Amino acid sequence: MASNKTLVPEAKAALEQFKMEAANEVGVNLKQGYNGDLTSRQAGSVGGQMVKKMIEKYENDIKGTK
């Protein structure tokens, strides 16, 4: 079962900002709070962009660059 609980509560604001940046990059207009009016495609593109950026950061970290 999926959970939207933040594992590190102190990171909640940064994660929200990260989500907004990813949405902006793929052209999805998110608003603060409820975004249940998004299509599955829009929500998926935001999540996919977030994962893409996290993988890119991890690869750069293990490579030793920033």
PDB file of N, CA and C in Angstrom:
ATOM      1  N   MET A   1       0.837  -1.181   0.000  1.00  0.00           N
ATOM      2  CA  MET A   1       0.000   0.000   0.000  1.00  0.00           C
ATOM      3  C   MET A   1       0.882   1.245   0.000  1.00  0.00           C
ATOM      4  N   ALA A   2       0.600   2.176  -0.867  1.00  0.00           N
ATOM      5  CA  ALA A   2       1.380   3.406  -0.973  1.00  0.00           C
ATOM      6  C   ALA A   2       1.060   4.341   0.182  1.00  0.00           C
ATOM      7  N   SER A   3       2.045   5.156   0.520  1.00  0.00           N
ATOM      8  CA  SER A   3       1.862   6.119   1.597  1.00  0.00           C
ATOM      9  C   SER A   3       2.466   7.450   1.179  1.00  0.00           C
ATOM     10  N   ASN A   4       1.784   8.524   1.499  1.00  0.00           N
ATOM     11  CA  ASN A   4       2.302   9.853   1.201  1.00  0.00           C
ATOM     12  C   ASN A   4       3.002  10.462   2.406  1.00  0.00           C
ATOM     13  N   LYS A   5       3.278   9.647   3.417  1.00  0.00           N
ATOM     14  CA  LYS A   5       3.915  10.145   4.622  1.00  0.00           C
ATOM     15  C   LYS A   5       5.385  10.443   4.335  1.00  0.00           C
ATOM     16  N   THR A   6       5.827  11.639   4.694  1.00  0.00           N
ATOM     17  CA  THR A   6       7.222  12.032   4.523  1.00  0.00           C
ATOM     18  C   THR A   6       8.061  11.323   5.569  1.00  0.00           C
ATOM     19  N   LEU A   7       9.104  10.637   5.124  1.00  0.00           N
ATOM     20  CA  LEU A   7       9.948   9.892   6.049  1.00  0.00           C
ATOM     21  C   LEU A   7      10.793  10.814   6.922  1.00  0.00           C
ATOM     22  N   VAL A   8      11.192  11.948   6.388  1.00  0.00           N
ATOM     23  CA  VAL A   8      11.957  12.938   7.148  1.00  0.00           C
ATOM     24  C   VAL A   8      11.124  14.222   7.179  1.00  0.00           C
ATOM     25  N   PRO A   9      10.372  14.429   8.241  1.00  0.00           N
ATOM     26  CA  PRO A   9       9.464  15.584   8.292  1.00  0.00           C
ATOM     27  C   PRO A   9      10.143  16.924   8.023  1.00  0.00           C
ATOM     28  N   GLU A  10      11.411  17.058   8.405  1.00  0.00           N
ATOM     29  CA  GLU A  10      12.137  18.303   8.189  1.00  0.00           C
ATOM     30  C   GLU A  10      12.331  18.609   6.703  1.00  0.00           C
ATOM     31  N   ALA A  11      12.181  17.613   5.844  1.00  0.00           N
ATOM     32  CA  ALA A  11      12.395  17.781   4.409  1.00  0.00           C
ATOM     33  C   ALA A  11      11.108  18.124   3.661  1.00  0.00           C
ATOM     34  N   LYS A  12      10.004  18.210   4.359  1.00  0.00           N
ATOM     35  CA  LYS A  12       8.712  18.392   3.697  1.00  0.00           C
ATOM     36  C   LYS A  12       8.663  19.634   2.804  1.00  0.00           C
ATOM     37  N   ALA A  13       9.133  20.762   3.288  1.00  0.00           N
ATOM     38  CA  ALA A  13       9.104  22.001   2.501  1.00  0.00           C
ATOM     39  C   ALA A  13       9.990  21.883   1.266  1.00  0.00           C
ATOM     40  N   ALA A  14      11.166  21.288   1.424  1.00  0.00           N
ATOM     41  CA  ALA A  14      12.073  21.118   0.289  1.00  0.00           C
ATOM     42  C   ALA A  14      11.475  20.177  -0.751  1.00  0.00           C
ATOM     43  N   LEU A  15      10.798  19.139  -0.310  1.00  0.00           N
ATOM     44  CA  LEU A  15      10.154  18.209  -1.244  1.00  0.00           C
ATOM     45  C   LEU A  15       9.018  18.888  -1.998  1.00  0.00           C
ATOM     46  N   GLU A  16       8.287  19.729  -1.316  1.00  0.00           N
ATOM     47  CA  GLU A  16       7.196  20.464  -1.968  1.00  0.00           C
ATOM     48  C   GLU A  16       7.759  21.397  -3.043  1.00  0.00           C
ATOM     49  N   GLN A  17       8.861  22.073  -2.727  1.00  0.00           N
ATOM     50  CA  GLN A  17       9.510  22.956  -3.695  1.00  0.00           C
ATOM     51  C   GLN A  17      10.035  22.154  -4.880  1.00  0.00           C
ATOM     52  N   PHE A  18      10.621  20.993  -4.604  1.00  0.00           N
ATOM     53  CA  PHE A  18      11.131  20.105  -5.653  1.00  0.00           C
ATOM     54  C   PHE A  18       9.998  19.676  -6.583  1.00  0.00           C
ATOM     55  N   LYS A  19       8.851  19.349  -6.010  1.00  0.00           N
ATOM     56  CA  LYS A  19       7.691  18.949  -6.807  1.00  0.00           C
ATOM     57  C   LYS A  19       7.220  20.100  -7.701  1.00  0.00           C
ATOM     58  N   MET A  20       7.182  21.309  -7.140  1.00  0.00           N
ATOM     59  CA  MET A  20       6.761  22.472  -7.914  1.00  0.00           C
ATOM     60  C   MET A  20       7.733  22.743  -9.068  1.00  0.00           C
ATOM     61  N   GLU A  21       9.032  22.617  -8.812  1.00  0.00           N
ATOM     62  CA  GLU A  21      10.034  22.824  -9.860  1.00  0.00           C
ATOM     63  C   GLU A  21       9.879  21.779 -10.964  1.00  0.00           C
ATOM     64  N   ALA A  22       9.689  20.526 -10.582  1.00  0.00           N
ATOM     65  CA  ALA A  22       9.520  19.456 -11.572  1.00  0.00           C
ATOM     66  C   ALA A  22       8.262  19.699 -12.402  1.00  0.00           C
ATOM     67  N   ALA A  23       7.192  20.118 -11.764  1.00  0.00           N
ATOM     68  CA  ALA A  23       5.943  20.395 -12.488  1.00  0.00           C
ATOM     69  C   ALA A  23       6.144  21.533 -13.482  1.00  0.00           C
ATOM     70  N   ASN A  24       6.850  22.562 -13.062  1.00  0.00           N
ATOM     71  CA  ASN A  24       7.116  23.694 -13.938  1.00  0.00           C
ATOM     72  C   ASN A  24       7.938  23.247 -15.157  1.00  0.00           C
ATOM     73  N   GLU A  25       8.908  22.374 -14.950  1.00  0.00           N
ATOM     74  CA  GLU A  25       9.768  21.897 -16.037  1.00  0.00           C
ATOM     75  C   GLU A  25       8.992  21.116 -17.097  1.00  0.00           C
ATOM     76  N   VAL A  26       7.939  20.420 -16.689  1.00  0.00           N
ATOM     77  CA  VAL A  26       7.161  19.637 -17.657  1.00  0.00           C
ATOM     78  C   VAL A  26       5.872  20.351 -18.072  1.00  0.00           C
ATOM     79  N   GLY A  27       5.703  21.591 -17.610  1.00  0.00           N
ATOM     80  CA  GLY A  27       4.575  22.394 -18.046  1.00  0.00           C
ATOM     81  C   GLY A  27       3.251  22.085 -17.381  1.00  0.00           C
ATOM     82  N   VAL A  28       3.293  21.578 -16.163  1.00  0.00           N
ATOM     83  CA  VAL A  28       2.069  21.295 -15.412  1.00  0.00           C
ATOM     84  C   VAL A  28       1.916  22.370 -14.342  1.00  0.00           C
ATOM     85  N   ASN A  29       0.764  23.000 -14.311  1.00  0.00           N
ATOM     86  CA  ASN A  29       0.507  24.058 -13.336  1.00  0.00           C
ATOM     87  C   ASN A  29      -0.060  23.459 -12.057  1.00  0.00           C
ATOM     88  N   LEU A  30       0.788  23.350 -11.039  1.00  0.00           N
ATOM     89  CA  LEU A  30       0.342  22.880  -9.735  1.00  0.00           C
ATOM     90  C   LEU A  30      -0.025  24.081  -8.886  1.00  0.00           C
ATOM     91  N   LYS A  31      -0.959  23.874  -7.992  1.00  0.00           N
ATOM     92  CA  LYS A  31      -1.282  24.909  -7.014  1.00  0.00           C
ATOM     93  C   LYS A  31      -1.015  24.340  -5.630  1.00  0.00           C
ATOM     94  N   GLN A  32      -0.858  25.196  -4.665  1.00  0.00           N
ATOM     95  CA  GLN A  32      -0.645  24.737  -3.296  1.00  0.00           C
ATOM     96  C   GLN A  32      -1.882  23.978  -2.839  1.00  0.00           C
ATOM     97  N   GLY A  33      -1.671  22.882  -2.142  1.00  0.00           N
ATOM     98  CA  GLY A  33      -2.791  22.104  -1.640  1.00  0.00           C
ATOM     99  C   GLY A  33      -3.264  21.043  -2.619  1.00  0.00           C
ATOM    100  N   TYR A  34      -4.560  20.899  -2.722  1.00  0.00           N
ATOM    101  CA  TYR A  34      -5.187  19.831  -3.501  1.00  0.00           C
ATOM    102  C   TYR A  34      -5.027  20.043  -5.004  1.00  0.00           C
ATOM    103  N   ASN A  35      -4.573  18.991  -5.694  1.00  0.00           N
ATOM    104  CA  ASN A  35      -4.417  19.031  -7.147  1.00  0.00           C
ATOM    105  C   ASN A  35      -5.122  17.836  -7.787  1.00  0.00           C
ATOM    106  N   GLY A  36      -6.265  17.461  -7.245  1.00  0.00           N
ATOM    107  CA  GLY A  36      -6.998  16.307  -7.733  1.00  0.00           C
ATOM    108  C   GLY A  36      -7.598  16.479  -9.112  1.00  0.00           C
ATOM    109  N   ASP A  37      -7.539  17.681  -9.644  1.00  0.00           N
ATOM    110  CA  ASP A  37      -8.067  17.913 -10.982  1.00  0.00           C
ATOM    111  C   ASP A  37      -7.048  17.605 -12.082  1.00  0.00           C
ATOM    112  N   LEU A  38      -5.841  17.199 -11.711  1.00  0.00           N
ATOM    113  CA  LEU A  38      -4.835  16.827 -12.709  1.00  0.00           C
ATOM    114  C   LEU A  38      -5.211  15.509 -13.366  1.00  0.00           C
ATOM    115  N   THR A  39      -4.845  15.381 -14.623  1.00  0.00           N
ATOM    116  CA  THR A  39      -5.042  14.090 -15.282  1.00  0.00           C
ATOM    117  C   THR A  39      -3.955  13.138 -14.810  1.00  0.00           C
ATOM    118  N   SER A  40      -4.163  11.860 -15.032  1.00  0.00           N
ATOM    119  CA  SER A  40      -3.149  10.863 -14.681  1.00  0.00           C
ATOM    120  C   SER A  40      -1.855  11.134 -15.436  1.00  0.00           C
ATOM    121  N   ARG A  41      -1.985  11.553 -16.675  1.00  0.00           N
ATOM    122  CA  ARG A  41      -0.801  11.858 -17.492  1.00  0.00           C
ATOM    123  C   ARG A  41      -0.012  13.014 -16.877  1.00  0.00           C
ATOM    124  N   GLN A  42      -0.696  14.059 -16.451  1.00  0.00           N
ATOM    125  CA  GLN A  42      -0.015  15.202 -15.854  1.00  0.00           C
ATOM    126  C   GLN A  42       0.677  14.807 -14.549  1.00  0.00           C
ATOM    127  N   ALA A  43      -0.045  14.117 -13.684  1.00  0.00           N
ATOM    128  CA  ALA A  43       0.534  13.702 -12.407  1.00  0.00           C
ATOM    129  C   ALA A  43       1.717  12.769 -12.636  1.00  0.00           C
ATOM    130  N   GLY A  44       1.587  11.862 -13.589  1.00  0.00           N
ATOM    131  CA  GLY A  44       2.672  10.939 -13.899  1.00  0.00           C
ATOM    132  C   GLY A  44       3.887  11.640 -14.450  1.00  0.00           C
ATOM    133  N   SER A  45       3.668  12.687 -15.251  1.00  0.00           N
ATOM    134  CA  SER A  45       4.810  13.402 -15.806  1.00  0.00           C
ATOM    135  C   SER A  45       5.565  14.158 -14.712  1.00  0.00           C
ATOM    136  N   VAL A  46       4.857  14.669 -13.723  1.00  0.00           N
ATOM    137  CA  VAL A  46       5.518  15.348 -12.603  1.00  0.00           C
ATOM    138  C   VAL A  46       6.334  14.332 -11.808  1.00  0.00           C
ATOM    139  N   GLY A  47       5.722  13.213 -11.454  1.00  0.00           N
ATOM    140  CA  GLY A  47       6.436  12.175 -10.703  1.00  0.00           C
ATOM    141  C   GLY A  47       7.616  11.627 -11.484  1.00  0.00           C
ATOM    142  N   GLY A  48       7.430  11.424 -12.767  1.00  0.00           N
ATOM    143  CA  GLY A  48       8.513  10.921 -13.602  1.00  0.00           C
ATOM    144  C   GLY A  48       9.680  11.887 -13.670  1.00  0.00           C
ATOM    145  N   GLN A  49       9.380  13.178 -13.765  1.00  0.00           N
ATOM    146  CA  GLN A  49      10.439  14.196 -13.798  1.00  0.00           C
ATOM    147  C   GLN A  49      11.188  14.224 -12.476  1.00  0.00           C
ATOM    148  N   MET A  50      10.459  14.058 -11.368  1.00  0.00           N
ATOM    149  CA  MET A  50      11.112  14.037 -10.061  1.00  0.00           C
ATOM    150  C   MET A  50      12.064  12.858  -9.962  1.00  0.00           C
ATOM    151  N   VAL A  51      11.622  11.691 -10.395  1.00  0.00           N
ATOM    152  CA  VAL A  51      12.473  10.501 -10.344  1.00  0.00           C
ATOM    153  C   VAL A  51      13.692  10.682 -11.249  1.00  0.00           C
ATOM    154  N   LYS A  52      13.478  11.221 -12.425  1.00  0.00           N
ATOM    155  CA  LYS A  52      14.580  11.454 -13.362  1.00  0.00           C
ATOM    156  C   LYS A  52      15.645  12.350 -12.721  1.00  0.00           C
ATOM    157  N   LYS A  53      15.217  13.431 -12.075  1.00  0.00           N
ATOM    158  CA  LYS A  53      16.153  14.348 -11.448  1.00  0.00           C
ATOM    159  C   LYS A  53      16.853  13.718 -10.241  1.00  0.00           C
ATOM    160  N   MET A  54      16.140  12.878  -9.485  1.00  0.00           N
ATOM    161  CA  MET A  54      16.769  12.201  -8.343  1.00  0.00           C
ATOM    162  C   MET A  54      17.827  11.214  -8.814  1.00  0.00           C
ATOM    163  N   ILE A  55      17.537  10.485  -9.875  1.00  0.00           N
ATOM    164  CA  ILE A  55      18.515   9.539 -10.416  1.00  0.00           C
ATOM    165  C   ILE A  55      19.726  10.285 -10.949  1.00  0.00           C
ATOM    166  N   GLU A  56      19.487  11.382 -11.654  1.00  0.00           N
ATOM    167  CA  GLU A  56      20.591  12.185 -12.180  1.00  0.00           C
ATOM    168  C   GLU A  56      21.492  12.682 -11.051  1.00  0.00           C
ATOM    169  N   LYS A  57      20.877  13.169  -9.961  1.00  0.00           N
ATOM    170  CA  LYS A  57      21.667  13.641  -8.820  1.00  0.00           C
ATOM    171  C   LYS A  57      22.457  12.502  -8.202  1.00  0.00           C
ATOM    172  N   TYR A  58      21.843  11.361  -8.033  1.00  0.00           N
ATOM    173  CA  TYR A  58      22.533  10.221  -7.441  1.00  0.00           C
ATOM    174  C   TYR A  58      23.714   9.794  -8.313  1.00  0.00           C
ATOM    175  N   GLU A  59      23.492   9.726  -9.624  1.00  0.00           N
ATOM    176  CA  GLU A  59      24.579   9.339 -10.522  1.00  0.00           C
ATOM    177  C   GLU A  59      25.729  10.332 -10.445  1.00  0.00           C
ATOM    178  N   ASN A  60      25.421  11.620 -10.384  1.00  0.00           N
ATOM    179  CA  ASN A  60      26.470  12.628 -10.253  1.00  0.00           C
ATOM    180  C   ASN A  60      27.189  12.523  -8.918  1.00  0.00           C
ATOM    181  N   ASP A  61      26.451  12.214  -7.861  1.00  0.00           N
ATOM    182  CA  ASP A  61      27.062  12.064  -6.540  1.00  0.00           C
ATOM    183  C   ASP A  61      28.019  10.894  -6.500  1.00  0.00           C
ATOM    184  N   ILE A  62      27.634   9.764  -7.078  1.00  0.00           N
ATOM    185  CA  ILE A  62      28.522   8.599  -7.019  1.00  0.00           C
ATOM    186  C   ILE A  62      29.689   8.754  -7.982  1.00  0.00           C
ATOM    187  N   LYS A  63      29.524   9.609  -8.977  1.00  0.00           N
ATOM    188  CA  LYS A  63      30.603   9.893  -9.929  1.00  0.00           C
ATOM    189  C   LYS A  63      31.567  10.906  -9.327  1.00  0.00           C
ATOM    190  N   GLY A  64      31.121  11.634  -8.315  1.00  0.00           N
ATOM    191  CA  GLY A  64      31.976  12.600  -7.645  1.00  0.00           C
ATOM    192  C   GLY A  64      31.858  14.003  -8.182  1.00  0.00           C
ATOM    193  N   THR A  65      30.810  14.287  -8.960  1.00  0.00           N
ATOM    194  CA  THR A  65      30.607  15.650  -9.464  1.00  0.00           C
ATOM    195  C   THR A  65      29.302  16.177  -8.918  1.00  0.00           C
ATOM    196  N   LYS A  66      29.091  17.437  -9.118  1.00  0.00           N
ATOM    197  CA  LYS A  66      27.831  18.034  -8.654  1.00  0.00           C
ATOM    198  C   LYS A  66      27.063  18.639  -9.767  1.00  0.00           C
TER     199      LYS A  66
END
